[in-house]
C-alpha cells in the first residue's frame, strides 16, 4: 500500500470475512494457542501452493499495482530451496510433533475452519472486484 497507507485512505475498513478471521485468531490465541498450527499450516502451505493465484485475486480486488505493493506476502524469493522442498520440510516438522490424538484432531479441525475463513475472504474480494 505504500509508506503512507495508514494516512492516505488507500486502506478501507475490513470486510466482514476478514474481521471474522481476525477475531478467530485472537480467540484461539487466548483459549488454545496450539490451534494456531492449523492456521499456519493452511496459510503457509496454501500460499506456497496457490499464492500466485491468490496474489492475482487480491491485486484485482484491491486495485493494487502489478509491481507487487500490497501483495509481497505472496512472493517467496528468499526460499532458495524452493517451495516444494520447504513444504516437505514443514510437513515433516509438524509430523514430528508430539501431539495427542485429540490435539491432532483439534489442529486438523482448525485447519479446516481456517480454509473456510480464507475462502470467505477471497469470495468477498472477488465480489468487490
C-alpha atoms as a PDB file:
ATOM      1  CA  UNK A   1       0.000   0.000   0.000  1.00  0.00           C
ATOM      2  CA  UNK A   2       2.984   2.302   0.276  1.00  0.00           C
ATOM      3  CA  UNK A   3       4.670   4.129   3.148  1.00  0.00           C
ATOM      4  CA  UNK A   4       1.645   6.319   3.967  1.00  0.00           C
ATOM      5  CA  UNK A   5      -1.043   3.660   3.719  1.00  0.00           C
ATOM      6  CA  UNK A   6      -2.476   4.474   7.145  1.00  0.00           C
ATOM      7  CA  UNK A   7      -2.985   8.132   6.285  1.00  0.00           C
ATOM      8  CA  UNK A   8      -3.727   8.287   2.584  1.00  0.00           C
ATOM      9  CA  UNK A   9      -7.081   6.486   2.670  1.00  0.00           C
ATOM     10  CA  UNK A  10      -5.998   3.628   0.417  1.00  0.00           C
ATOM     11  CA  UNK A  11      -6.944   1.078   3.073  1.00  0.00           C
ATOM     12  CA  UNK A  12     -10.632   0.716   3.679  1.00  0.00           C
ATOM     13  CA  UNK A  13     -12.442  -0.927   6.545  1.00  0.00           C
ATOM     14  CA  UNK A  14     -12.043  -4.653   6.919  1.00  0.00           C
ATOM     15  CA  UNK A  15     -14.716  -6.651   5.196  1.00  0.00           C
ATOM     16  CA  UNK A  16     -16.782  -8.961   7.394  1.00  0.00           C
ATOM     17  CA  UNK A  17     -14.940 -12.120   6.379  1.00  0.00           C
ATOM     18  CA  UNK A  18     -11.584 -10.571   7.297  1.00  0.00           C
ATOM     19  CA  UNK A  19     -12.957  -9.310  10.622  1.00  0.00           C
ATOM     20  CA  UNK A  20     -14.264 -12.825  11.388  1.00  0.00           C
ATOM     21  CA  UNK A  21     -10.844 -14.310  10.562  1.00  0.00           C
ATOM     22  CA  UNK A  22      -9.031 -11.817  12.800  1.00  0.00           C
ATOM     23  CA  UNK A  23     -11.459 -12.490  15.651  1.00  0.00           C
ATOM     24  CA  UNK A  24     -10.960 -16.246  15.294  1.00  0.00           C
ATOM     25  CA  UNK A  25      -7.183 -15.888  15.517  1.00  0.00           C
ATOM     26  CA  UNK A  26      -7.462 -13.647  18.578  1.00  0.00           C
ATOM     27  CA  UNK A  27      -9.888 -16.069  20.221  1.00  0.00           C
ATOM     28  CA  UNK A  28      -7.809 -19.224  19.766  1.00  0.00           C
ATOM     29  CA  UNK A  29      -4.614 -17.358  20.664  1.00  0.00           C
ATOM     30  CA  UNK A  30      -6.191 -16.753  24.067  1.00  0.00           C
ATOM     31  CA  UNK A  31      -8.072 -20.023  24.539  1.00  0.00           C
ATOM     32  CA  UNK A  32      -5.988 -22.705  22.802  1.00  0.00           C
ATOM     33  CA  UNK A  33      -2.833 -21.411  21.068  1.00  0.00           C
ATOM     34  CA  UNK A  34      -1.976 -24.885  19.793  1.00  0.00           C
ATOM     35  CA  UNK A  35      -4.748 -24.407  17.238  1.00  0.00           C
ATOM     36  CA  UNK A  36      -2.687 -21.679  15.582  1.00  0.00           C
ATOM     37  CA  UNK A  37      -0.831 -24.593  13.969  1.00  0.00           C
ATOM     38  CA  UNK A  38      -3.931 -25.164  11.865  1.00  0.00           C
ATOM     39  CA  UNK A  39      -3.743 -21.579  10.666  1.00  0.00           C
ATOM     40  CA  UNK A  40      -0.031 -21.696   9.921  1.00  0.00           C
ATOM     41  CA  UNK A  41      -0.445 -24.977   8.047  1.00  0.00           C
ATOM     42  CA  UNK A  42      -3.284 -23.636   5.922  1.00  0.00           C
ATOM     43  CA  UNK A  43      -1.689 -20.253   5.284  1.00  0.00           C
ATOM     44  CA  UNK A  44       1.883 -21.371   4.602  1.00  0.00           C
ATOM     45  CA  UNK A  45       1.136 -24.424   2.535  1.00  0.00           C
ATOM     46  CA  UNK A  46      -1.846 -22.809   0.836  1.00  0.00           C
ATOM     47  CA  UNK A  47       0.072 -19.693  -0.066  1.00  0.00           C
ATOM     48  CA  UNK A  48       3.037 -21.710  -1.301  1.00  0.00           C
ATOM     49  CA  UNK A  49       0.763 -23.908  -3.399  1.00  0.00           C
ATOM     50  CA  UNK A  50      -1.618 -21.304  -4.781  1.00  0.00           C
ATOM     51  CA  UNK A  51      -0.059 -17.997  -3.837  1.00  0.00           C
ATOM     52  CA  UNK A  52       0.301 -16.651  -7.349  1.00  0.00           C
ATOM     53  CA  UNK A  53      -3.405 -17.193  -7.997  1.00  0.00           C
ATOM     54  CA  UNK A  54      -4.321 -15.566  -4.685  1.00  0.00           C
ATOM     55  CA  UNK A  55      -1.958 -12.704  -5.463  1.00  0.00           C
ATOM     56  CA  UNK A  56      -3.789 -12.011  -8.731  1.00  0.00           C
ATOM     57  CA  UNK A  57      -7.191 -12.130  -6.993  1.00  0.00           C
ATOM     58  CA  UNK A  58      -6.047  -9.722  -4.273  1.00  0.00           C
ATOM     59  CA  UNK A  59      -4.374  -7.399  -6.772  1.00  0.00           C
ATOM     60  CA  UNK A  60      -7.525  -7.204  -8.884  1.00  0.00           C
ATOM     61  CA  UNK A  61      -9.962  -6.857  -5.977  1.00  0.00           C
ATOM     62  CA  UNK A  62      -7.926  -4.171  -4.237  1.00  0.00           C
ATOM     63  CA  UNK A  63      -6.765  -2.396  -7.420  1.00  0.00           C
ATOM     64  CA  UNK A  64      -3.126  -2.893  -6.462  1.00  0.00           C
ATOM     65  CA  UNK A  65      -0.213  -2.257  -8.834  1.00  0.00           C
ATOM     66  CA  UNK A  66       1.410  -5.161 -10.679  1.00  0.00           C
ATOM     67  CA  UNK A  67       4.748  -4.104  -9.221  1.00  0.00           C
ATOM     68  CA  UNK A  68       3.857  -6.013  -6.044  1.00  0.00           C
ATOM     69  CA  UNK A  69       2.932  -3.356  -3.499  1.00  0.00           C
ATOM     70  CA  UNK A  70       0.337  -4.866  -1.182  1.00  0.00           C
ATOM     71  CA  UNK A  71       0.897  -8.438  -2.341  1.00  0.00           C
ATOM     72  CA  UNK A  72       4.547  -9.113  -1.478  1.00  0.00           C
ATOM     73  CA  UNK A  73       3.200 -11.649   1.020  1.00  0.00           C
ATOM     74  CA  UNK A  74       2.748 -13.987  -1.955  1.00  0.00           C
ATOM     75  CA  UNK A  75       6.339 -13.724  -3.173  1.00  0.00           C
ATOM     76  CA  UNK A  76       8.831 -16.266  -1.880  1.00  0.00           C
ATOM     77  CA  UNK A  77      12.125 -15.081  -3.311  1.00  0.00           C
ATOM     78  CA  UNK A  78      14.036 -15.830  -0.082  1.00  0.00           C
ATOM     79  CA  UNK A  79      13.395 -19.550  -0.323  1.00  0.00           C
ATOM     80  CA  UNK A  80      16.467 -20.841  -2.180  1.00  0.00           C
ATOM     81  CA  UNK A  81      15.499 -24.484  -1.781  1.00  0.00           C
ATOM     82  CA  UNK A  82      12.143 -23.809  -3.465  1.00  0.00           C
ATOM     83  CA  UNK A  83       8.562 -24.109  -2.311  1.00  0.00           C
ATOM     84  CA  UNK A  84       8.355 -27.876  -2.798  1.00  0.00           C
ATOM     85  CA  UNK A  85      11.320 -28.552  -0.503  1.00  0.00           C
ATOM     86  CA  UNK A  86      10.041 -26.125   2.113  1.00  0.00           C
ATOM     87  CA  UNK A  87       6.574 -27.713   2.124  1.00  0.00           C
ATOM     88  CA  UNK A  88       8.138 -31.144   2.592  1.00  0.00           C
ATOM     89  CA  UNK A  89      10.259 -29.866   5.485  1.00  0.00           C
ATOM     90  CA  UNK A  90       7.286 -28.071   7.082  1.00  0.00           C
ATOM     91  CA  UNK A  91       5.023 -31.127   6.908  1.00  0.00           C
ATOM     92  CA  UNK A  92       7.824 -33.250   8.357  1.00  0.00           C
ATOM     93  CA  UNK A  93       8.295 -30.838  11.249  1.00  0.00           C
ATOM     94  CA  UNK A  94       4.571 -30.988  12.014  1.00  0.00           C
ATOM     95  CA  UNK A  95       4.558 -34.783  11.778  1.00  0.00           C
ATOM     96  CA  UNK A  96       7.400 -34.962  14.321  1.00  0.00           C
ATOM     97  CA  UNK A  97       5.482 -33.009  16.949  1.00  0.00           C
ATOM     98  CA  UNK A  98       4.352 -34.992  19.975  1.00  0.00           C
ATOM     99  CA  UNK A  99       0.638 -34.303  19.857  1.00  0.00           C
ATOM    100  CA  UNK A 100      -2.053 -36.449  21.398  1.00  0.00           C
ATOM    101  CA  UNK A 101      -4.758 -37.890  19.168  1.00  0.00           C
ATOM    102  CA  UNK A 102      -7.188 -35.274  20.493  1.00  0.00           C
ATOM    103  CA  UNK A 103      -4.744 -32.423  19.809  1.00  0.00           C
ATOM    104  CA  UNK A 104      -4.146 -33.722  16.301  1.00  0.00           C
ATOM    105  CA  UNK A 105      -7.902 -33.828  15.612  1.00  0.00           C
ATOM    106  CA  UNK A 106      -8.280 -30.320  17.014  1.00  0.00           C
ATOM    107  CA  UNK A 107      -5.460 -28.888  14.871  1.00  0.00           C
ATOM    108  CA  UNK A 108      -6.813 -30.605  11.744  1.00  0.00           C
ATOM    109  CA  UNK A 109     -10.286 -29.297  12.576  1.00  0.00           C
ATOM    110  CA  UNK A 110      -8.916 -25.786  12.966  1.00  0.00           C
ATOM    111  CA  UNK A 111      -7.078 -26.093   9.655  1.00  0.00           C
ATOM    112  CA  UNK A 112     -10.458 -26.854   8.059  1.00  0.00           C
ATOM    113  CA  UNK A 113     -12.005 -23.828   9.787  1.00  0.00           C
ATOM    114  CA  UNK A 114      -9.084 -21.718   8.542  1.00  0.00           C
ATOM    115  CA  UNK A 115      -9.621 -22.897   4.990  1.00  0.00           C
ATOM    116  CA  UNK A 116     -13.285 -21.862   5.121  1.00  0.00           C
ATOM    117  CA  UNK A 117     -12.432 -18.488   6.666  1.00  0.00           C
ATOM    118  CA  UNK A 118      -9.864 -17.853   3.936  1.00  0.00           C
ATOM    119  CA  UNK A 119     -12.300 -18.865   1.207  1.00  0.00           C
ATOM    120  CA  UNK A 120     -14.812 -16.369   2.592  1.00  0.00           C
ATOM    121  CA  UNK A 121     -12.212 -13.604   2.421  1.00  0.00           C
ATOM    122  CA  UNK A 122     -11.415 -14.335  -1.205  1.00  0.00           C
ATOM    123  CA  UNK A 123     -15.087 -14.683  -2.103  1.00  0.00           C
ATOM    124  CA  UNK A 124     -15.713 -11.211  -0.672  1.00  0.00           C
ATOM    125  CA  UNK A 125     -12.692  -9.814  -2.517  1.00  0.00           C
ATOM    126  CA  UNK A 126     -13.929 -11.422  -5.735  1.00  0.00           C
ATOM    127  CA  UNK A 127     -17.371  -9.843  -5.294  1.00  0.00           C
ATOM    128  CA  UNK A 128     -15.770  -6.455  -4.634  1.00  0.00           C
ATOM    129  CA  UNK A 129     -13.691  -6.546  -7.828  1.00  0.00           C
END
